């Protein structure tokens, strides 16, 4: 299978291209200075080849980058992932959803806000199936099975040796929405309680009485708060990607406003436990 660059690899290539152009060098000049074929420089910038952190350091020295920027680019090279497992599901996925999985695969941290359902990374299989049963958009059984399989695969990111850090805010009403009935909801709530014990997962609820606007929003960070980031917002029909710096800053402000009104993770666990007792 031919090499397929992840989003983070493509982003690193774009940054290296911008650095070269800002210094006024051609690919041939860079290649000659580093003892590379000039075609290698172009392939790296177009993300046709995966670049090693050692090569990133050599480029950074040639471009006279400071230590902080060098380490940031090296972190991007180290964190780039090449297992594009979702490629085989592409016929079943919309383009925005296919792109979202790519972001999620490479991201180091996720900040999310969901106001009507549990976030997909935190859902049980029976909760997923119950959601699709009430959806007017995806009803074909084979299509539903594929989407559930993809979502369960996505959840592996929470349990890897270097897991995705997930900070998720849920509207309090989500903790009482009985998709699939009381038994399925009870199972889902217990799953949330268990996930909240993971060191890389933070779950907080925002009270239904809190005077804040809340719309579905995901922000993926790559390599820390100072690295690149993208925001994604949902509509009934699609997911909209916002990757411009201004859009990402606005998304962060919107999410921070809701975060300030949300319960603490400990308070949220108590609410979840109360709901579990009410169901039982």
Protein backbone atom coordinates (compact mmCIF):
# COMPACT_ATOMS: atom_id res chain seq x y z
CA UNK A 1 0.00 0.00 0.00
CA UNK A 2 1.38 3.43 -0.95
CA UNK A 3 2.35 5.82 1.84
CA UNK A 4 -0.56 8.00 2.97
CA UNK A 5 0.24 11.07 5.01
CA UNK A 6 -1.77 11.86 8.10
CA UNK A 7 -3.07 15.34 8.77
CA UNK A 8 -0.18 16.12 11.11
CA UNK A 9 2.36 15.03 8.49
CA UNK A 10 0.70 17.27 5.91
CA UNK A 11 0.70 20.18 8.37
CA UNK A 12 4.40 19.65 9.11
CA UNK A 13 5.12 19.63 5.38
CA UNK A 14 3.24 22.91 4.93
CA UNK A 15 5.23 24.52 7.74
CA UNK A 16 8.53 23.35 6.29
CA UNK A 17 7.52 24.70 2.88
CA UNK A 18 6.63 28.06 4.43
CA UNK A 19 9.98 28.17 6.24
CA UNK A 20 11.93 27.49 3.05
CA UNK A 21 10.03 30.11 1.08
CA UNK A 22 10.36 32.69 3.85
CA UNK A 23 14.15 32.16 3.76
CA UNK A 24 14.18 32.53 -0.03
CA UNK A 25 15.70 29.10 -0.76
CA UNK A 26 14.93 26.68 -3.57
CA UNK A 27 14.55 22.96 -2.95
CA UNK A 28 17.84 22.43 -4.78
CA UNK A 29 19.70 24.84 -2.47
CA UNK A 30 18.33 23.12 0.63
CA UNK A 31 19.12 19.69 -0.76
CA UNK A 32 22.71 20.65 -1.61
CA UNK A 33 23.25 22.18 1.84
CA UNK A 34 22.05 19.03 3.61
CA UNK A 35 23.41 16.47 1.17
CA UNK A 36 19.94 15.42 0.01
CA UNK A 37 18.45 15.10 -3.41
CA UNK A 38 16.34 18.20 -4.02
CA UNK A 39 13.44 15.88 -4.79
CA UNK A 40 13.53 14.68 -1.17
CA UNK A 41 12.93 18.22 0.05
CA UNK A 42 9.89 18.56 -2.20
CA UNK A 43 8.52 15.15 -1.21
CA UNK A 44 8.77 16.03 2.48
CA UNK A 45 7.03 19.36 1.94
CA UNK A 46 4.23 17.67 -0.02
CA UNK A 47 4.01 14.95 2.68
CA UNK A 48 4.75 12.25 0.14
CA UNK A 49 7.39 10.82 2.51
CA UNK A 50 7.34 10.61 6.29
CA UNK A 51 10.10 12.79 7.76
CA UNK A 52 12.28 11.65 10.65
CA UNK A 53 12.80 14.00 13.65
CA UNK A 54 16.56 13.91 12.97
CA UNK A 55 15.94 15.39 9.51
CA UNK A 56 13.65 17.99 11.07
CA UNK A 57 16.52 19.06 13.32
CA UNK A 58 18.86 19.39 10.33
CA UNK A 59 16.32 21.54 8.49
CA UNK A 60 15.70 23.63 11.61
CA UNK A 61 19.42 24.35 11.98
CA UNK A 62 19.68 25.31 8.33
CA UNK A 63 16.70 27.67 8.70
CA UNK A 64 18.16 28.99 12.00
CA UNK A 65 15.10 28.20 14.12
CA UNK A 66 15.22 28.65 17.88
CA UNK A 67 15.05 25.68 20.24
CA UNK A 68 11.33 26.07 21.00
CA UNK A 69 10.26 26.02 17.34
CA UNK A 70 12.67 23.17 16.59
CA UNK A 71 11.21 21.05 19.38
CA UNK A 72 7.65 21.85 18.27
CA UNK A 73 8.37 20.64 14.73
CA UNK A 74 10.19 17.57 16.05
CA UNK A 75 7.18 16.75 18.23
CA UNK A 76 4.97 16.92 15.15
CA UNK A 77 7.29 14.47 13.35
CA UNK A 78 7.34 12.08 16.33
CA UNK A 79 3.57 12.18 16.81
CA UNK A 80 2.70 11.65 13.16
CA UNK A 81 0.79 8.42 12.74
CA UNK A 82 0.67 6.29 9.60
CA UNK A 83 -2.02 3.74 10.45
CA UNK A 84 -4.90 5.18 8.44
CA UNK A 85 -7.24 2.38 9.49
CA UNK A 86 -10.39 4.25 8.43
CA UNK A 87 -9.44 4.30 4.73
CA UNK A 88 -11.34 1.06 4.08
CA UNK A 89 -14.53 2.67 5.42
CA UNK A 90 -14.31 5.69 3.10
CA UNK A 91 -17.25 4.63 0.87
CA UNK A 92 -19.48 4.74 3.95
CA UNK A 93 -18.26 8.06 5.36
CA UNK A 94 -19.02 11.64 4.40
CA UNK A 95 -15.97 13.73 3.48
CA UNK A 96 -16.15 15.88 6.66
CA UNK A 97 -16.45 12.80 8.87
CA UNK A 98 -13.54 11.14 7.07
CA UNK A 99 -11.48 14.28 7.70
CA UNK A 100 -12.58 14.44 11.36
CA UNK A 101 -11.25 10.93 11.99
CA UNK A 102 -7.92 11.95 10.51
CA UNK A 103 -7.70 14.89 12.90
CA UNK A 104 -8.68 12.71 15.83
CA UNK A 105 -6.06 10.13 14.87
CA UNK A 106 -3.25 12.69 15.07
CA UNK A 107 -4.49 14.97 17.84
CA UNK A 108 -2.88 15.07 21.26
CA UNK A 109 -5.86 16.71 23.00
CA UNK A 110 -9.57 17.12 22.36
CA UNK A 111 -11.81 19.79 23.87
CA UNK A 112 -15.46 19.07 23.17
CA UNK A 113 -18.94 20.34 23.93
CA UNK A 114 -22.06 18.26 23.18
CA UNK A 115 -25.55 19.40 24.01
CA UNK A 116 -27.88 16.61 22.87
CA UNK A 117 -26.02 13.28 22.99
CA UNK A 118 -22.98 11.75 24.65
CA UNK A 119 -19.80 12.43 22.67
CA UNK A 120 -19.03 9.61 20.23
CA UNK A 121 -15.75 8.70 21.95
CA UNK A 122 -17.65 8.05 25.18
CA UNK A 123 -20.64 6.09 23.86
CA UNK A 124 -21.46 2.44 24.51
CA UNK A 125 -22.32 0.28 21.52
CA UNK A 126 -25.97 -0.08 22.54
CA UNK A 127 -26.27 3.69 23.01
CA UNK A 128 -24.87 4.20 19.50
CA UNK A 129 -27.34 1.79 18.00
CA UNK A 130 -30.25 3.41 19.84
CA UNK A 131 -29.19 6.82 18.51
CA UNK A 132 -29.17 5.60 14.93
CA UNK A 133 -32.61 4.04 15.42
CA UNK A 134 -33.99 7.52 16.17
CA UNK A 135 -32.05 9.25 13.36
CA UNK A 136 -33.77 10.33 10.18
CA UNK A 137 -30.43 10.53 8.32
CA UNK A 138 -28.87 7.06 8.60
CA UNK A 139 -31.31 4.14 8.71
CA UNK A 140 -29.82 1.51 6.37
CA UNK A 141 -28.75 -1.43 8.63
CA UNK A 142 -25.45 -2.01 6.83
CA UNK A 143 -24.64 1.69 6.98
CA UNK A 144 -25.44 1.77 10.69
CA UNK A 145 -23.23 -1.28 11.33
CA UNK A 146 -20.31 0.35 9.54
CA UNK A 147 -20.70 3.62 11.46
CA UNK A 148 -20.80 1.77 14.77
CA UNK A 149 -17.71 -0.21 13.84
CA UNK A 150 -15.88 3.01 12.96
CA UNK A 151 -16.93 4.71 16.19
CA UNK A 152 -15.74 1.78 18.29
CA UNK A 153 -12.41 1.87 16.46
CA UNK A 154 -12.12 5.59 17.14
CA UNK A 155 -12.48 4.95 20.86
CA UNK A 156 -9.17 3.07 20.91
CA UNK A 157 -7.45 6.47 21.01
CA UNK A 158 -8.46 6.78 24.68
CA UNK A 159 -6.64 3.59 25.67
CA UNK A 160 -3.38 3.71 23.71
CA UNK A 161 0.04 3.96 25.44
CA UNK A 162 0.03 7.67 24.55
CA UNK A 163 -3.72 8.27 24.65
CA UNK A 164 -5.74 11.18 23.42
CA UNK A 165 -6.39 13.66 26.24
CA UNK A 166 -10.13 14.32 26.19
CA UNK A 167 -11.85 17.19 27.99
CA UNK A 168 -15.56 16.79 27.31
CA UNK A 169 -18.45 18.98 28.42
CA UNK A 170 -21.98 17.57 28.21
CA UNK A 171 -25.24 19.38 28.73
CA UNK A 172 -26.75 18.00 31.93
CA UNK A 173 -29.87 16.99 30.00
CA UNK A 174 -27.76 14.49 28.03
CA UNK A 175 -27.32 12.49 31.22
CA UNK A 176 -31.05 11.89 31.34
CA UNK A 177 -31.93 11.41 27.66
CA UNK A 178 -33.10 7.76 27.51
CA UNK A 179 -31.86 6.68 24.05
CA UNK A 180 -32.78 3.01 23.87
CA UNK A 181 -34.66 3.13 27.17
CA UNK A 182 -33.67 3.17 30.83
CA UNK A 183 -31.46 0.08 30.67
CA UNK A 184 -29.33 1.45 27.85
CA UNK A 185 -29.08 4.83 29.57
CA UNK A 186 -28.04 3.18 32.83
CA UNK A 187 -25.33 1.25 31.03
CA UNK A 188 -24.15 4.45 29.32
CA UNK A 189 -24.00 6.36 32.61
CA UNK A 190 -21.96 3.61 34.25
CA UNK A 191 -19.61 3.73 31.26
CA UNK A 192 -19.18 7.49 31.73
CA UNK A 193 -18.40 6.97 35.40
CA UNK A 194 -15.73 4.41 34.51
CA UNK A 195 -14.21 6.60 31.80
CA UNK A 196 -14.03 9.53 34.22
CA UNK A 197 -11.53 7.49 36.25
CA UNK A 198 -9.04 7.46 33.36
CA UNK A 199 -6.22 9.99 33.85
CA UNK A 200 -6.61 11.25 30.29
CA UNK A 201 -10.40 11.80 30.36
CA UNK A 202 -12.24 14.69 31.98
CA UNK A 203 -16.05 14.79 31.83
CA UNK A 204 -18.02 17.80 33.04
CA UNK A 205 -21.68 18.64 32.86
CA UNK A 206 -23.13 22.11 32.46
CA UNK A 207 -26.40 22.69 34.25
CA UNK A 208 -29.54 23.11 32.18
CA UNK A 209 -30.14 26.36 34.08
CA UNK A 210 -26.73 27.85 33.22
CA UNK A 211 -27.16 30.97 31.10
CA UNK A 212 -24.69 30.02 28.36
CA UNK A 213 -25.18 29.18 24.72
CA UNK A 214 -24.07 25.65 23.95
CA UNK A 215 -23.66 24.18 20.49
CA UNK A 216 -21.73 21.05 19.44
CA UNK A 217 -18.06 21.94 19.11
CA UNK A 218 -14.78 20.01 18.97
CA UNK A 219 -11.29 21.51 19.12
CA UNK A 220 -8.35 19.25 18.28
CA UNK A 221 -4.85 20.26 19.35
CA UNK A 222 -1.70 18.81 17.81
CA UNK A 223 1.42 18.88 19.95
CA UNK A 224 0.12 21.10 22.75
CA UNK A 225 -1.53 24.48 23.17
CA UNK A 226 1.19 26.22 21.12
CA UNK A 227 0.87 23.79 18.20
CA UNK A 228 -1.64 23.80 15.36
CA UNK A 229 -5.32 23.28 16.12
CA UNK A 230 -8.60 22.90 14.25
CA UNK A 231 -12.20 23.39 15.35
CA UNK A 232 -15.23 21.49 14.12
CA UNK A 233 -18.88 22.41 14.55
CA UNK A 234 -21.89 20.24 13.76
CA UNK A 235 -25.13 20.92 11.98
CA UNK A 236 -27.99 18.53 11.30
CA UNK A 237 -26.53 17.62 7.92
CA UNK A 238 -22.78 17.88 8.24
CA UNK A 239 -19.66 18.77 10.18
CA UNK A 240 -18.01 22.09 9.37
CA UNK A 241 -14.22 22.37 9.66
CA UNK A 242 -12.69 25.63 10.90
CA UNK A 243 -8.92 25.68 10.54
CA UNK A 244 -8.20 29.40 10.23
CA UNK A 245 -6.40 30.96 13.24
CA UNK A 246 -9.21 33.47 13.82
CA UNK A 247 -11.90 30.77 13.71
CA UNK A 248 -9.96 28.57 16.13
CA UNK A 249 -9.49 31.48 18.56
CA UNK A 250 -13.21 32.23 18.44
CA UNK A 251 -14.04 28.56 19.02
CA UNK A 252 -11.70 28.49 22.03
CA UNK A 253 -13.37 31.56 23.52
CA UNK A 254 -16.83 30.05 23.02
CA UNK A 255 -15.77 26.80 24.69
CA UNK A 256 -13.98 28.57 27.55
CA UNK A 257 -17.15 30.52 28.28
CA UNK A 258 -19.08 27.27 28.72
CA UNK A 259 -16.22 25.67 30.68
CA UNK A 260 -16.40 28.48 33.23
CA UNK A 261 -20.08 27.65 33.85
CA UNK A 262 -19.65 23.87 33.93
CA UNK A 263 -19.54 21.66 37.01
CA UNK A 264 -16.26 20.18 38.15
CA UNK A 265 -15.47 16.58 37.12
CA UNK A 266 -16.15 15.50 40.72
CA UNK A 267 -19.54 17.23 40.80
CA UNK A 268 -20.37 15.67 37.45
CA UNK A 269 -19.60 12.16 38.75
CA UNK A 270 -21.98 12.79 41.64
CA UNK A 271 -24.71 13.82 39.20
CA UNK A 272 -24.05 10.68 37.13
CA UNK A 273 -24.22 8.47 40.22
CA UNK A 274 -27.51 10.09 41.28
CA UNK A 275 -28.97 9.38 37.84
CA UNK A 276 -27.83 5.77 38.03
CA UNK A 277 -29.59 5.38 41.39
CA UNK A 278 -32.74 6.98 40.02
CA UNK A 279 -32.82 4.51 37.12
CA UNK A 280 -32.20 1.50 39.33
